Amino acid sequence: MSRVIRREIDVEERIAEILKRFVGKRFNGVTVTEVARQYDRELEGRKADIAVLKDDSKPLLLIETKKKY
């Protein structure tokens, strides 16, 4: 089995694409409205690699990806 070296941004892109499948879906009364990359709103100068936003434009889920060396 060959080993594929992936960059952190490649993994981030893949995760974001998977999560975008849930945009417009409703879970426990909350609708997922957007999947944003490099999200920095409301984080006091910091950024999350990926944010899943709900219907009030606030984050429901924040994801920080890391590359394992």
Protein backbone atom coordinates (compact mmCIF):
# COMPACT_ATOMS: atom_id res chain seq x y z
CA MET A 1 0.00 0.00 0.00
CA SER A 2 1.50 3.34 -1.01
CA ARG A 3 1.40 6.18 1.42
CA VAL A 4 -0.13 9.44 0.20
CA ILE A 5 1.18 12.62 1.76
CA ARG A 6 -1.62 15.16 2.12
CA ARG A 7 -1.33 18.80 2.94
CA GLU A 8 -3.42 20.17 5.78
CA ILE A 9 -5.35 22.39 3.35
CA ASP A 10 -6.28 19.35 1.24
CA VAL A 11 -7.80 17.65 4.27
CA GLU A 12 -9.57 20.89 5.23
CA GLU A 13 -11.08 21.16 1.75
CA ARG A 14 -12.30 17.56 1.85
CA ILE A 15 -13.92 17.95 5.27
CA ALA A 16 -15.63 21.19 4.18
CA GLU A 17 -16.99 19.50 1.04
CA ILE A 18 -18.45 16.66 3.10
CA LEU A 19 -20.05 19.07 5.58
CA LYS A 20 -21.61 21.12 2.76
CA ARG A 21 -23.94 18.17 2.15
CA PHE A 22 -25.75 19.19 5.33
CA VAL A 23 -26.49 22.79 4.29
CA GLY A 24 -30.24 23.28 4.37
CA LYS A 25 -30.80 20.28 6.64
CA ARG A 26 -32.52 20.64 10.00
CA PHE A 27 -31.27 18.88 13.15
CA ASN A 28 -32.96 19.22 16.56
CA GLY A 29 -34.60 22.48 15.52
CA VAL A 30 -31.43 24.02 14.06
CA THR A 31 -30.87 24.51 10.33
CA VAL A 32 -27.35 24.37 8.90
CA THR A 33 -27.05 27.36 6.56
CA GLU A 34 -23.38 27.55 5.58
CA VAL A 35 -19.98 25.92 5.81
CA ALA A 36 -17.32 28.62 5.97
CA ARG A 37 -13.57 28.20 5.69
CA GLN A 38 -11.08 30.41 7.54
CA TYR A 39 -13.88 31.64 9.78
CA ASP A 40 -12.85 34.61 11.93
CA ARG A 41 -16.08 36.32 12.94
CA GLU A 42 -16.69 36.41 16.70
CA LEU A 43 -13.34 34.72 17.45
CA GLU A 44 -11.40 37.73 18.76
CA GLY A 45 -8.63 37.77 16.17
CA ARG A 46 -8.36 34.00 15.81
CA LYS A 47 -9.54 31.81 12.94
CA ALA A 48 -11.14 28.41 12.72
CA ASP A 49 -10.28 26.36 9.65
CA ILE A 50 -13.92 25.40 9.16
CA ALA A 51 -17.16 26.65 10.72
CA VAL A 52 -20.59 25.13 10.30
CA LEU A 53 -23.08 27.98 10.70
CA LYS A 54 -26.69 27.72 11.81
CA ASP A 55 -29.74 29.73 10.83
CA ASP A 56 -28.84 32.71 13.04
CA SER A 57 -25.39 32.93 11.35
CA LYS A 58 -23.64 31.77 14.52
CA PRO A 59 -21.29 28.79 14.55
CA LEU A 60 -22.72 25.43 15.44
CA LEU A 61 -19.39 23.65 14.96
CA LEU A 62 -15.80 24.94 14.71
CA ILE A 63 -13.05 22.72 13.29
CA GLU A 64 -9.30 23.23 13.44
CA THR A 65 -7.36 20.84 11.21
CA LYS A 66 -3.78 19.83 11.88
CA LYS A 67 -1.27 17.94 9.82
CA LYS A 68 0.27 14.92 11.48
CA TYR A 69 3.96 14.64 10.75
